[in-house]
């Protein structure tokens, strides 16, 4: 489904930025969060219950990469 796949890491972005390694990838910045919200709006408009479930899993649980301390 478009908009719900994991977004590949861009090497031109900050090298210290950690990407989500969860099975259901969590958005890591505002642009990714906006893409997920657009996908949620589309899933709700088309009554796609499975997509709504997956997208909610992306948005609701906390991502461990946000809370891991990165050794420098």
PDB file of N, CA and C in Angstrom:
ATOM      1  N   UNK A   1       0.842  -1.165   0.000  1.00  0.00           N
ATOM      2  CA  UNK A   1       0.000   0.000   0.000  1.00  0.00           C
ATOM      3  C   UNK A   1       0.889   1.229   0.000  1.00  0.00           C
ATOM      4  N   UNK A   2       0.617   2.161  -0.842  1.00  0.00           N
ATOM      5  CA  UNK A   2       1.423   3.364  -0.955  1.00  0.00           C
ATOM      6  C   UNK A   2       1.351   4.180   0.328  1.00  0.00           C
ATOM      7  N   UNK A   3       2.490   4.682   0.745  1.00  0.00           N
ATOM      8  CA  UNK A   3       2.541   5.535   1.924  1.00  0.00           C
ATOM      9  C   UNK A   3       2.798   4.806   3.220  1.00  0.00           C
ATOM     10  N   UNK A   4       2.761   3.485   3.216  1.00  0.00           N
ATOM     11  CA  UNK A   4       2.975   2.765   4.471  1.00  0.00           C
ATOM     12  C   UNK A   4       4.277   1.980   4.480  1.00  0.00           C
ATOM     13  N   UNK A   5       5.007   1.980   3.352  1.00  0.00           N
ATOM     14  CA  UNK A   5       6.253   1.244   3.336  1.00  0.00           C
ATOM     15  C   UNK A   5       7.345   2.033   4.060  1.00  0.00           C
ATOM     16  N   UNK A   6       8.368   1.332   4.499  1.00  0.00           N
ATOM     17  CA  UNK A   6       9.471   1.975   5.204  1.00  0.00           C
ATOM     18  C   UNK A   6      10.192   2.917   4.256  1.00  0.00           C
ATOM     19  N   UNK A   7      10.609   4.033   4.768  1.00  0.00           N
ATOM     20  CA  UNK A   7      11.312   5.016   3.973  1.00  0.00           C
ATOM     21  C   UNK A   7      12.804   4.746   4.104  1.00  0.00           C
ATOM     22  N   UNK A   8      13.511   4.536   2.982  1.00  0.00           N
ATOM     23  CA  UNK A   8      14.939   4.217   3.069  1.00  0.00           C
ATOM     24  C   UNK A   8      15.735   5.374   3.636  1.00  0.00           C
ATOM     25  N   UNK A   9      16.825   5.036   4.295  1.00  0.00           N
ATOM     26  CA  UNK A   9      17.694   6.039   4.882  1.00  0.00           C
ATOM     27  C   UNK A   9      18.398   6.812   3.784  1.00  0.00           C
ATOM     28  N   UNK A  10      18.488   8.111   3.943  1.00  0.00           N
ATOM     29  CA  UNK A  10      19.152   8.964   2.974  1.00  0.00           C
ATOM     30  C   UNK A  10      20.517   9.321   3.533  1.00  0.00           C
ATOM     31  N   UNK A  11      21.575   8.949   2.840  1.00  0.00           N
ATOM     32  CA  UNK A  11      22.920   9.192   3.343  1.00  0.00           C
ATOM     33  C   UNK A  11      23.269  10.669   3.364  1.00  0.00           C
ATOM     34  N   UNK A  12      22.551  11.525   2.627  1.00  0.00           N
ATOM     35  CA  UNK A  12      22.825  12.954   2.639  1.00  0.00           C
ATOM     36  C   UNK A  12      22.288  13.624   3.904  1.00  0.00           C
ATOM     37  N   UNK A  13      21.388  12.937   4.621  1.00  0.00           N
ATOM     38  CA  UNK A  13      20.901  13.472   5.883  1.00  0.00           C
ATOM     39  C   UNK A  13      21.982  13.318   6.923  1.00  0.00           C
ATOM     40  N   UNK A  14      21.735  13.810   8.110  1.00  0.00           N
ATOM     41  CA  UNK A  14      22.723  13.727   9.171  1.00  0.00           C
ATOM     42  C   UNK A  14      23.186  12.311   9.411  1.00  0.00           C
ATOM     43  N   UNK A  15      24.478  12.115   9.496  1.00  0.00           N
ATOM     44  CA  UNK A  15      25.028  10.774   9.663  1.00  0.00           C
ATOM     45  C   UNK A  15      24.672  10.186  11.026  1.00  0.00           C
ATOM     46  N   UNK A  16      24.465  11.021  12.050  1.00  0.00           N
ATOM     47  CA  UNK A  16      24.167  10.522  13.381  1.00  0.00           C
ATOM     48  C   UNK A  16      22.709  10.151  13.576  1.00  0.00           C
ATOM     49  N   UNK A  17      21.863  10.403  12.593  1.00  0.00           N
ATOM     50  CA  UNK A  17      20.438  10.123  12.727  1.00  0.00           C
ATOM     51  C   UNK A  17      20.176   8.633  12.641  1.00  0.00           C
ATOM     52  N   UNK A  18      19.514   8.078  13.643  1.00  0.00           N
ATOM     53  CA  UNK A  18      19.193   6.646  13.664  1.00  0.00           C
ATOM     54  C   UNK A  18      17.851   6.435  12.998  1.00  0.00           C
ATOM     55  N   UNK A  19      17.741   5.375  12.210  1.00  0.00           N
ATOM     56  CA  UNK A  19      16.492   5.021  11.561  1.00  0.00           C
ATOM     57  C   UNK A  19      15.761   3.991  12.398  1.00  0.00           C
ATOM     58  N   UNK A  20      14.466   3.955  12.289  1.00  0.00           N
ATOM     59  CA  UNK A  20      13.648   2.995  13.025  1.00  0.00           C
ATOM     60  C   UNK A  20      13.894   1.596  12.457  1.00  0.00           C
ATOM     61  N   UNK A  21      14.176   0.651  13.358  1.00  0.00           N
ATOM     62  CA  UNK A  21      14.414  -0.732  12.940  1.00  0.00           C
ATOM     63  C   UNK A  21      13.250  -1.635  13.339  1.00  0.00           C
ATOM     64  N   UNK A  22      12.131  -1.059  13.724  1.00  0.00           N
ATOM     65  CA  UNK A  22      10.954  -1.833  14.128  1.00  0.00           C
ATOM     66  C   UNK A  22      10.344  -2.523  12.902  1.00  0.00           C
ATOM     67  N   UNK A  23       9.585  -3.583  13.140  1.00  0.00           N
ATOM     68  CA  UNK A  23       8.921  -4.296  12.043  1.00  0.00           C
ATOM     69  C   UNK A  23       7.959  -3.363  11.320  1.00  0.00           C
ATOM     70  N   UNK A  24       7.207  -2.595  12.066  1.00  0.00           N
ATOM     71  CA  UNK A  24       6.344  -1.566  11.488  1.00  0.00           C
ATOM     72  C   UNK A  24       7.048  -0.244  11.746  1.00  0.00           C
ATOM     73  N   UNK A  25       7.667   0.316  10.718  1.00  0.00           N
ATOM     74  CA  UNK A  25       8.532   1.485  10.866  1.00  0.00           C
ATOM     75  C   UNK A  25       7.765   2.712  11.347  1.00  0.00           C
ATOM     76  N   UNK A  26       8.311   3.372  12.356  1.00  0.00           N
ATOM     77  CA  UNK A  26       7.731   4.600  12.892  1.00  0.00           C
ATOM     78  C   UNK A  26       8.312   5.796  12.144  1.00  0.00           C
ATOM     79  N   UNK A  27       7.501   6.822  11.911  1.00  0.00           N
ATOM     80  CA  UNK A  27       8.040   8.029  11.275  1.00  0.00           C
ATOM     81  C   UNK A  27       9.037   8.699  12.207  1.00  0.00           C
ATOM     82  N   UNK A  28      10.137   9.205  11.649  1.00  0.00           N
ATOM     83  CA  UNK A  28      11.201   9.784  12.455  1.00  0.00           C
ATOM     84  C   UNK A  28      11.274  11.301  12.374  1.00  0.00           C
ATOM     85  N   UNK A  29      10.573  11.915  11.433  1.00  0.00           N
ATOM     86  CA  UNK A  29      10.583  13.369  11.344  1.00  0.00           C
ATOM     87  C   UNK A  29       9.210  13.858  10.869  1.00  0.00           C
ATOM     88  N   UNK A  30       9.076  15.154  10.770  1.00  0.00           N
ATOM     89  CA  UNK A  30       7.773  15.731  10.421  1.00  0.00           C
ATOM     90  C   UNK A  30       7.314  15.356   9.016  1.00  0.00           C
ATOM     91  N   UNK A  31       8.245  15.261   8.065  1.00  0.00           N
ATOM     92  CA  UNK A  31       7.860  14.885   6.693  1.00  0.00           C
ATOM     93  C   UNK A  31       7.315  13.465   6.642  1.00  0.00           C
ATOM     94  N   UNK A  32       7.983  12.543   7.323  1.00  0.00           N
ATOM     95  CA  UNK A  32       7.511  11.159   7.356  1.00  0.00           C
ATOM     96  C   UNK A  32       6.173  11.059   8.083  1.00  0.00           C
ATOM     97  N   UNK A  33       6.018  11.814   9.158  1.00  0.00           N
ATOM     98  CA  UNK A  33       4.756  11.811   9.903  1.00  0.00           C
ATOM     99  C   UNK A  33       3.623  12.335   9.018  1.00  0.00           C
ATOM    100  N   UNK A  34       3.890  13.362   8.210  1.00  0.00           N
ATOM    101  CA  UNK A  34       2.875  13.894   7.294  1.00  0.00           C
ATOM    102  C   UNK A  34       2.481  12.859   6.247  1.00  0.00           C
ATOM    103  N   UNK A  35       3.457  12.095   5.731  1.00  0.00           N
ATOM    104  CA  UNK A  35       3.151  11.041   4.755  1.00  0.00           C
ATOM    105  C   UNK A  35       2.269   9.963   5.375  1.00  0.00           C
ATOM    106  N   UNK A  36       2.537   9.614   6.619  1.00  0.00           N
ATOM    107  CA  UNK A  36       1.738   8.585   7.293  1.00  0.00           C
ATOM    108  C   UNK A  36       0.318   9.105   7.531  1.00  0.00           C
ATOM    109  N   UNK A  37       0.187  10.365   7.881  1.00  0.00           N
ATOM    110  CA  UNK A  37      -1.147  10.936   8.095  1.00  0.00           C
ATOM    111  C   UNK A  37      -1.953  10.974   6.803  1.00  0.00           C
ATOM    112  N   UNK A  38      -1.292  11.265   5.685  1.00  0.00           N
ATOM    113  CA  UNK A  38      -1.980  11.243   4.386  1.00  0.00           C
ATOM    114  C   UNK A  38      -2.446   9.814   4.082  1.00  0.00           C
ATOM    115  N   UNK A  39      -1.584   8.830   4.360  1.00  0.00           N
ATOM    116  CA  UNK A  39      -1.965   7.434   4.142  1.00  0.00           C
ATOM    117  C   UNK A  39      -3.137   7.047   5.043  1.00  0.00           C
ATOM    118  N   UNK A  40      -3.152   7.553   6.286  1.00  0.00           N
ATOM    119  CA  UNK A  40      -4.271   7.270   7.192  1.00  0.00           C
ATOM    120  C   UNK A  40      -5.561   7.884   6.663  1.00  0.00           C
ATOM    121  N   UNK A  41      -5.500   9.111   6.191  1.00  0.00           N
ATOM    122  CA  UNK A  41      -6.692   9.746   5.611  1.00  0.00           C
ATOM    123  C   UNK A  41      -7.216   8.939   4.427  1.00  0.00           C
ATOM    124  N   UNK A  42      -6.298   8.449   3.590  1.00  0.00           N
ATOM    125  CA  UNK A  42      -6.695   7.644   2.433  1.00  0.00           C
ATOM    126  C   UNK A  42      -7.328   6.327   2.887  1.00  0.00           C
ATOM    127  N   UNK A  43      -6.732   5.678   3.877  1.00  0.00           N
ATOM    128  CA  UNK A  43      -7.273   4.407   4.373  1.00  0.00           C
ATOM    129  C   UNK A  43      -8.663   4.598   4.974  1.00  0.00           C
ATOM    130  N   UNK A  44      -8.849   5.693   5.696  1.00  0.00           N
ATOM    131  CA  UNK A  44     -10.173   5.971   6.272  1.00  0.00           C
ATOM    132  C   UNK A  44     -11.200   6.263   5.181  1.00  0.00           C
ATOM    133  N   UNK A  45     -10.772   6.986   4.147  1.00  0.00           N
ATOM    134  CA  UNK A  45     -11.690   7.336   3.057  1.00  0.00           C
ATOM    135  C   UNK A  45     -12.107   6.105   2.257  1.00  0.00           C
ATOM    136  N   UNK A  46     -11.231   5.115   2.157  1.00  0.00           N
ATOM    137  CA  UNK A  46     -11.535   3.920   1.373  1.00  0.00           C
ATOM    138  C   UNK A  46     -12.017   2.749   2.233  1.00  0.00           C
ATOM    139  N   UNK A  47     -12.206   2.984   3.529  1.00  0.00           N
ATOM    140  CA  UNK A  47     -12.664   1.948   4.466  1.00  0.00           C
ATOM    141  C   UNK A  47     -11.751   0.728   4.482  1.00  0.00           C
ATOM    142  N   UNK A  48     -10.453   0.967   4.456  1.00  0.00           N
ATOM    143  CA  UNK A  48      -9.456  -0.107   4.490  1.00  0.00           C
ATOM    144  C   UNK A  48      -9.037  -0.334   5.942  1.00  0.00           C
ATOM    145  N   UNK A  49      -9.714  -1.256   6.618  1.00  0.00           N
ATOM    146  CA  UNK A  49      -9.499  -1.491   8.047  1.00  0.00           C
ATOM    147  C   UNK A  49      -8.094  -1.995   8.347  1.00  0.00           C
ATOM    148  N   UNK A  50      -7.557  -2.827   7.471  1.00  0.00           N
ATOM    149  CA  UNK A  50      -6.204  -3.346   7.700  1.00  0.00           C
ATOM    150  C   UNK A  50      -5.168  -2.227   7.629  1.00  0.00           C
ATOM    151  N   UNK A  51      -5.304  -1.347   6.656  1.00  0.00           N
ATOM    152  CA  UNK A  51      -4.365  -0.225   6.538  1.00  0.00           C
ATOM    153  C   UNK A  51      -4.482   0.712   7.728  1.00  0.00           C
ATOM    154  N   UNK A  52      -5.699   0.962   8.197  1.00  0.00           N
ATOM    155  CA  UNK A  52      -5.893   1.814   9.373  1.00  0.00           C
ATOM    156  C   UNK A  52      -5.175   1.213  10.573  1.00  0.00           C
ATOM    157  N   UNK A  53      -5.283  -0.092  10.739  1.00  0.00           N
ATOM    158  CA  UNK A  53      -4.621  -0.770  11.857  1.00  0.00           C
ATOM    159  C   UNK A  53      -3.105  -0.616  11.780  1.00  0.00           C
ATOM    160  N   UNK A  54      -2.536  -0.874  10.605  1.00  0.00           N
ATOM    161  CA  UNK A  54      -1.083  -0.787  10.441  1.00  0.00           C
ATOM    162  C   UNK A  54      -0.599   0.651  10.647  1.00  0.00           C
ATOM    163  N   UNK A  55      -1.305   1.604  10.086  1.00  0.00           N
ATOM    164  CA  UNK A  55      -0.901   3.004  10.213  1.00  0.00           C
ATOM    165  C   UNK A  55      -0.995   3.460  11.665  1.00  0.00           C
ATOM    166  N   UNK A  56      -2.016   3.025  12.370  1.00  0.00           N
ATOM    167  CA  UNK A  56      -2.116   3.362  13.799  1.00  0.00           C
ATOM    168  C   UNK A  56      -0.953   2.758  14.582  1.00  0.00           C
ATOM    169  N   UNK A  57      -0.524   1.560  14.188  1.00  0.00           N
ATOM    170  CA  UNK A  57       0.642   0.958  14.832  1.00  0.00           C
ATOM    171  C   UNK A  57       1.895   1.792  14.579  1.00  0.00           C
ATOM    172  N   UNK A  58       1.977   2.428  13.425  1.00  0.00           N
ATOM    173  CA  UNK A  58       3.111   3.294  13.125  1.00  0.00           C
ATOM    174  C   UNK A  58       3.092   4.545  13.992  1.00  0.00           C
ATOM    175  N   UNK A  59       1.917   5.081  14.236  1.00  0.00           N
ATOM    176  CA  UNK A  59       1.814   6.373  14.917  1.00  0.00           C
ATOM    177  C   UNK A  59       1.754   6.274  16.442  1.00  0.00           C
ATOM    178  N   UNK A  60       1.165   5.212  16.985  1.00  0.00           N
ATOM    179  CA  UNK A  60       0.883   5.194  18.416  1.00  0.00           C
ATOM    180  C   UNK A  60       2.015   4.735  19.324  1.00  0.00           C
ATOM    181  N   UNK A  61       2.642   3.596  19.104  1.00  0.00           N
ATOM    182  CA  UNK A  61       3.629   3.151  20.087  1.00  0.00           C
ATOM    183  C   UNK A  61       4.908   3.977  20.008  1.00  0.00           C
ATOM    184  N   UNK A  62       5.577   4.138  21.131  1.00  0.00           N
ATOM    185  CA  UNK A  62       6.848   4.873  21.067  1.00  0.00           C
ATOM    186  C   UNK A  62       7.918   4.041  20.368  1.00  0.00           C
ATOM    187  N   UNK A  63       8.767   4.696  19.626  1.00  0.00           N
ATOM    188  CA  UNK A  63       9.831   4.023  18.903  1.00  0.00           C
ATOM    189  C   UNK A  63      11.082   3.987  19.770  1.00  0.00           C
ATOM    190  N   UNK A  64      11.706   2.824  19.917  1.00  0.00           N
ATOM    191  CA  UNK A  64      12.887   2.734  20.767  1.00  0.00           C
ATOM    192  C   UNK A  64      14.062   3.569  20.277  1.00  0.00           C
ATOM    193  N   UNK A  65      14.136   3.931  18.988  1.00  0.00           N
ATOM    194  CA  UNK A  65      15.263   4.733  18.511  1.00  0.00           C
ATOM    195  C   UNK A  65      15.214   6.147  19.065  1.00  0.00           C
ATOM    196  N   UNK A  66      14.039   6.589  19.484  1.00  0.00           N
ATOM    197  CA  UNK A  66      13.951   7.926  20.071  1.00  0.00           C
ATOM    198  C   UNK A  66      14.562   7.982  21.461  1.00  0.00           C
ATOM    199  N   UNK A  67      14.606   6.845  22.142  1.00  0.00           N
ATOM    200  CA  UNK A  67      15.015   6.828  23.538  1.00  0.00           C
ATOM    201  C   UNK A  67      16.378   6.183  23.764  1.00  0.00           C
ATOM    202  N   UNK A  68      16.990   5.616  22.705  1.00  0.00           N
ATOM    203  CA  UNK A  68      18.304   5.002  22.857  1.00  0.00           C
ATOM    204  C   UNK A  68      19.374   6.078  22.939  1.00  0.00           C
ATOM    205  N   UNK A  69      20.317   5.860  23.800  1.00  0.00           N
ATOM    206  CA  UNK A  69      21.445   6.765  23.905  1.00  0.00           C
ATOM    207  C   UNK A  69      22.499   6.304  22.909  1.00  0.00           C
ATOM    208  N   UNK A  70      22.925   7.205  22.052  1.00  0.00           N
ATOM    209  CA  UNK A  70      23.902   6.874  21.027  1.00  0.00           C
ATOM    210  C   UNK A  70      25.282   7.231  21.568  1.00  0.00           C
ATOM    211  N   UNK A  71      26.168   6.245  21.608  1.00  0.00           N
ATOM    212  CA  UNK A  71      27.536   6.493  22.078  1.00  0.00           C
ATOM    213  C   UNK A  71      28.293   7.323  21.049  1.00  0.00           C
ATOM    214  N   UNK A  72      29.011   8.292  21.509  1.00  0.00           N
ATOM    215  CA  UNK A  72      29.773   9.169  20.599  1.00  0.00           C
ATOM    216  C   UNK A  72      31.246   8.982  20.825  1.00  0.00           C
TER     217      UNK A  72
END
